[in-house]
Amino acid sequence: MKPYKQVIENNVIVRTFSKDVESEELVWHRDRKDRVVKVTKSEGWKFQYDDDIPFELNSGDTIVIPKETFHRILKGNGDLVIEIEEFE
């Protein structure tokens, strides 16, 4: 089971992470495709690349995640909503 709910709208993945998700469910991972992530809503959530310090996610932020790059998110106070575009 995934720690988020998602819908796909016009080739954009919209993911919502609930404020009630368990921190242990937010694991280090890497993706098979390059991604551009736009933060729609965030209250204290953070993002971390491998071997880097976490940084806070704010509404309107855009993050580029190259494929096969380890990363994770860290739980905040409210829900987190992001939009993901994938590229080959």
N, C-alpha and C. Protein backbone atom coordinates (compact mmCIF):
# COMPACT_ATOMS: atom_id res chain seq x y z
N MET A 1 0.85 -1.18 0.00
CA MET A 1 0.00 0.00 0.00
C MET A 1 0.89 1.25 0.00
N LYS A 2 0.55 2.21 -0.80
CA LYS A 2 1.33 3.44 -0.93
C LYS A 2 0.93 4.45 0.15
N PRO A 3 1.86 5.33 0.54
CA PRO A 3 1.55 6.31 1.59
C PRO A 3 0.85 7.57 1.05
N TYR A 4 0.26 7.47 -0.13
CA TYR A 4 -0.39 8.62 -0.75
C TYR A 4 -1.58 8.16 -1.58
N LYS A 5 -2.40 9.12 -1.95
CA LYS A 5 -3.47 8.90 -2.93
C LYS A 5 -3.08 9.69 -4.15
N GLN A 6 -3.44 9.17 -5.33
CA GLN A 6 -3.07 9.91 -6.54
C GLN A 6 -4.14 9.79 -7.61
N VAL A 7 -4.18 10.82 -8.44
CA VAL A 7 -4.99 10.83 -9.66
C VAL A 7 -4.10 11.34 -10.77
N ILE A 8 -4.45 10.99 -12.00
CA ILE A 8 -3.69 11.46 -13.16
C ILE A 8 -4.61 12.35 -13.98
N GLU A 9 -4.15 13.58 -14.20
CA GLU A 9 -4.91 14.58 -14.96
C GLU A 9 -4.02 15.14 -16.05
N ASN A 10 -4.35 14.89 -17.32
CA ASN A 10 -3.59 15.41 -18.46
C ASN A 10 -2.10 15.06 -18.36
N ASN A 11 -1.81 13.80 -18.09
CA ASN A 11 -0.43 13.30 -17.96
C ASN A 11 0.34 13.89 -16.78
N VAL A 12 -0.36 14.50 -15.84
CA VAL A 12 0.26 15.01 -14.61
C VAL A 12 -0.28 14.17 -13.45
N ILE A 13 0.64 13.65 -12.65
CA ILE A 13 0.26 12.85 -11.48
C ILE A 13 0.07 13.82 -10.31
N VAL A 14 -1.11 13.80 -9.72
CA VAL A 14 -1.39 14.64 -8.55
C VAL A 14 -1.44 13.70 -7.34
N ARG A 15 -0.50 13.89 -6.42
CA ARG A 15 -0.40 13.05 -5.23
C ARG A 15 -0.70 13.85 -3.98
N THR A 16 -1.44 13.21 -3.09
CA THR A 16 -1.75 13.80 -1.80
C THR A 16 -1.26 12.87 -0.70
N PHE A 17 -0.39 13.41 0.15
CA PHE A 17 0.09 12.70 1.33
C PHE A 17 -0.68 13.27 2.51
N SER A 18 -1.38 12.42 3.23
CA SER A 18 -2.20 12.86 4.36
C SER A 18 -1.33 13.24 5.56
N LYS A 19 -1.81 14.18 6.33
CA LYS A 19 -1.13 14.54 7.57
C LYS A 19 -1.10 13.36 8.53
N ASP A 20 -1.93 12.35 8.29
CA ASP A 20 -2.02 11.19 9.16
C ASP A 20 -1.11 10.03 8.75
N VAL A 21 -0.36 10.20 7.65
CA VAL A 21 0.54 9.14 7.21
C VAL A 21 1.60 8.90 8.28
N GLU A 22 2.01 7.66 8.44
CA GLU A 22 3.07 7.33 9.40
C GLU A 22 4.42 7.68 8.79
N SER A 23 5.28 8.31 9.56
CA SER A 23 6.61 8.70 9.06
C SER A 23 7.39 7.50 8.52
N GLU A 24 7.19 6.33 9.11
CA GLU A 24 7.90 5.12 8.68
C GLU A 24 7.53 4.70 7.26
N GLU A 25 6.40 5.16 6.76
CA GLU A 25 5.97 4.83 5.40
C GLU A 25 6.69 5.67 4.34
N LEU A 26 7.32 6.74 4.76
CA LEU A 26 7.99 7.66 3.84
C LEU A 26 9.46 7.24 3.73
N VAL A 27 9.73 6.32 2.84
CA VAL A 27 11.04 5.68 2.75
C VAL A 27 11.90 6.27 1.64
N TRP A 28 13.21 6.07 1.78
CA TRP A 28 14.13 6.41 0.71
C TRP A 28 13.76 5.59 -0.52
N HIS A 29 13.79 6.22 -1.68
CA HIS A 29 13.49 5.51 -2.91
C HIS A 29 14.09 6.25 -4.09
N ARG A 30 14.02 5.63 -5.25
CA ARG A 30 14.45 6.27 -6.49
C ARG A 30 13.44 5.92 -7.57
N ASP A 31 13.34 6.77 -8.55
CA ASP A 31 12.34 6.62 -9.61
C ASP A 31 13.01 6.20 -10.92
N ARG A 32 12.23 5.57 -11.78
CA ARG A 32 12.76 5.07 -13.06
C ARG A 32 12.82 6.14 -14.14
N LYS A 33 12.15 7.27 -13.90
CA LYS A 33 12.13 8.35 -14.89
C LYS A 33 12.52 9.66 -14.23
N ASP A 34 13.01 10.60 -15.04
CA ASP A 34 13.24 11.96 -14.56
C ASP A 34 11.88 12.55 -14.17
N ARG A 35 11.89 13.36 -13.13
CA ARG A 35 10.65 13.97 -12.67
C ARG A 35 10.83 15.44 -12.36
N VAL A 36 9.78 16.20 -12.64
CA VAL A 36 9.67 17.58 -12.19
C VAL A 36 8.46 17.60 -11.26
N VAL A 37 8.69 18.04 -10.04
CA VAL A 37 7.65 18.04 -9.02
C VAL A 37 7.32 19.47 -8.63
N LYS A 38 6.04 19.81 -8.70
CA LYS A 38 5.58 21.13 -8.27
C LYS A 38 4.78 20.95 -6.99
N VAL A 39 5.13 21.74 -5.98
CA VAL A 39 4.45 21.68 -4.69
C VAL A 39 3.21 22.57 -4.75
N THR A 40 2.05 21.96 -4.54
CA THR A 40 0.79 22.71 -4.55
C THR A 40 0.40 23.15 -3.15
N LYS A 41 0.64 22.25 -2.18
CA LYS A 41 0.27 22.56 -0.79
C LYS A 41 1.26 21.85 0.13
N SER A 42 1.77 22.57 1.11
CA SER A 42 2.70 21.97 2.07
C SER A 42 2.67 22.76 3.37
N GLU A 43 2.66 22.03 4.47
CA GLU A 43 2.73 22.65 5.79
C GLU A 43 3.83 21.94 6.57
N GLY A 44 5.05 22.41 6.43
CA GLY A 44 6.16 21.86 7.20
C GLY A 44 6.79 20.59 6.64
N TRP A 45 6.35 20.15 5.46
CA TRP A 45 6.96 18.97 4.85
C TRP A 45 8.35 19.33 4.33
N LYS A 46 9.23 18.32 4.27
CA LYS A 46 10.59 18.53 3.78
C LYS A 46 10.94 17.49 2.72
N PHE A 47 11.93 17.83 1.91
CA PHE A 47 12.44 16.96 0.86
C PHE A 47 13.93 16.77 1.10
N GLN A 48 14.42 15.57 0.81
CA GLN A 48 15.85 15.32 1.01
C GLN A 48 16.39 14.44 -0.11
N TYR A 49 17.47 14.92 -0.75
CA TYR A 49 18.25 14.10 -1.67
C TYR A 49 19.26 13.31 -0.84
N ASP A 50 19.68 12.16 -1.33
CA ASP A 50 20.71 11.37 -0.65
C ASP A 50 21.96 12.22 -0.47
N ASP A 51 22.60 12.11 0.68
CA ASP A 51 23.82 12.84 1.02
C ASP A 51 23.64 14.36 1.04
N ASP A 52 22.43 14.82 1.34
CA ASP A 52 22.16 16.25 1.43
C ASP A 52 21.26 16.50 2.64
N ILE A 53 21.20 17.74 3.08
CA ILE A 53 20.33 18.05 4.20
C ILE A 53 18.91 18.30 3.70
N PRO A 54 17.90 17.98 4.50
CA PRO A 54 16.51 18.21 4.08
C PRO A 54 16.22 19.70 3.96
N PHE A 55 15.32 20.04 3.05
CA PHE A 55 14.88 21.43 2.94
C PHE A 55 13.36 21.47 2.91
N GLU A 56 12.83 22.57 3.41
CA GLU A 56 11.37 22.70 3.52
C GLU A 56 10.73 22.89 2.16
N LEU A 57 9.57 22.26 1.99
CA LEU A 57 8.78 22.40 0.77
C LEU A 57 7.74 23.49 0.99
N ASN A 58 7.67 24.42 0.05
CA ASN A 58 6.70 25.50 0.12
C ASN A 58 5.83 25.49 -1.12
N SER A 59 4.59 25.91 -0.99
CA SER A 59 3.70 25.99 -2.14
C SER A 59 4.36 26.81 -3.24
N GLY A 60 4.32 26.29 -4.46
CA GLY A 60 4.92 26.97 -5.60
C GLY A 60 6.33 26.49 -5.92
N ASP A 61 6.97 25.77 -5.00
CA ASP A 61 8.32 25.25 -5.27
C ASP A 61 8.29 24.22 -6.39
N THR A 62 9.38 24.17 -7.16
CA THR A 62 9.56 23.15 -8.19
C THR A 62 10.87 22.43 -7.91
N ILE A 63 10.82 21.11 -7.95
CA ILE A 63 12.00 20.28 -7.68
C ILE A 63 12.24 19.38 -8.88
N VAL A 64 13.48 19.28 -9.31
CA VAL A 64 13.86 18.38 -10.39
C VAL A 64 14.53 17.17 -9.74
N ILE A 65 14.03 15.98 -10.08
CA ILE A 65 14.58 14.74 -9.53
C ILE A 65 15.05 13.87 -10.70
N PRO A 66 16.36 13.79 -10.92
CA PRO A 66 16.86 12.92 -11.98
C PRO A 66 16.56 11.45 -11.67
N LYS A 67 16.30 10.67 -12.71
CA LYS A 67 16.00 9.25 -12.49
C LYS A 67 17.14 8.57 -11.75
N GLU A 68 16.78 7.56 -10.98
CA GLU A 68 17.72 6.75 -10.20
C GLU A 68 18.44 7.53 -9.09
N THR A 69 17.92 8.69 -8.70
CA THR A 69 18.48 9.48 -7.60
C THR A 69 17.71 9.18 -6.32
N PHE A 70 18.40 8.70 -5.29
CA PHE A 70 17.72 8.42 -4.03
C PHE A 70 17.23 9.71 -3.39
N HIS A 71 16.00 9.66 -2.86
CA HIS A 71 15.40 10.82 -2.21
C HIS A 71 14.25 10.35 -1.32
N ARG A 72 13.76 11.27 -0.50
CA ARG A 72 12.61 10.98 0.35
C ARG A 72 11.95 12.29 0.76
N ILE A 73 10.73 12.16 1.30
CA ILE A 73 10.08 13.32 1.91
C ILE A 73 9.94 13.05 3.40
N LEU A 74 9.88 14.12 4.16
CA LEU A 74 9.75 14.05 5.61
C LEU A 74 8.43 14.71 6.00
N LYS A 75 7.71 14.05 6.86
CA LYS A 75 6.37 14.45 7.25
C LYS A 75 6.31 15.84 7.88
N GLY A 76 5.26 16.56 7.50
CA GLY A 76 4.99 17.87 8.06
C GLY A 76 3.74 17.83 8.93
N ASN A 77 3.06 18.97 9.02
CA ASN A 77 1.90 19.10 9.91
C ASN A 77 0.57 18.84 9.21
N GLY A 78 0.37 19.44 8.04
CA GLY A 78 -0.88 19.25 7.30
C GLY A 78 -0.65 18.29 6.15
N ASP A 79 -1.56 18.31 5.19
CA ASP A 79 -1.42 17.47 4.00
C ASP A 79 -0.37 18.06 3.07
N LEU A 80 0.23 17.18 2.25
CA LEU A 80 1.14 17.59 1.19
C LEU A 80 0.50 17.23 -0.13
N VAL A 81 0.42 18.19 -1.05
CA VAL A 81 -0.10 17.92 -2.39
C VAL A 81 0.96 18.35 -3.39
N ILE A 82 1.31 17.42 -4.30
CA ILE A 82 2.31 17.69 -5.32
C ILE A 82 1.80 17.27 -6.69
N GLU A 83 2.35 17.92 -7.72
CA GLU A 83 2.08 17.55 -9.11
C GLU A 83 3.38 17.04 -9.72
N ILE A 84 3.33 15.88 -10.35
CA ILE A 84 4.52 15.24 -10.89
C ILE A 84 4.40 15.07 -12.39
N GLU A 85 5.43 15.54 -13.10
CA GLU A 85 5.54 15.28 -14.54
C GLU A 85 6.75 14.38 -14.73
N GLU A 86 6.58 13.30 -15.50
CA GLU A 86 7.67 12.36 -15.75
C GLU A 86 8.17 12.49 -17.18
N PHE A 87 9.47 12.25 -17.35
CA PHE A 87 10.11 12.35 -18.65
C PHE A 87 11.00 11.12 -18.87
N GLU A 88 11.10 10.69 -20.10
CA GLU A 88 11.95 9.55 -20.44
C GLU A 88 13.40 9.91 -20.39
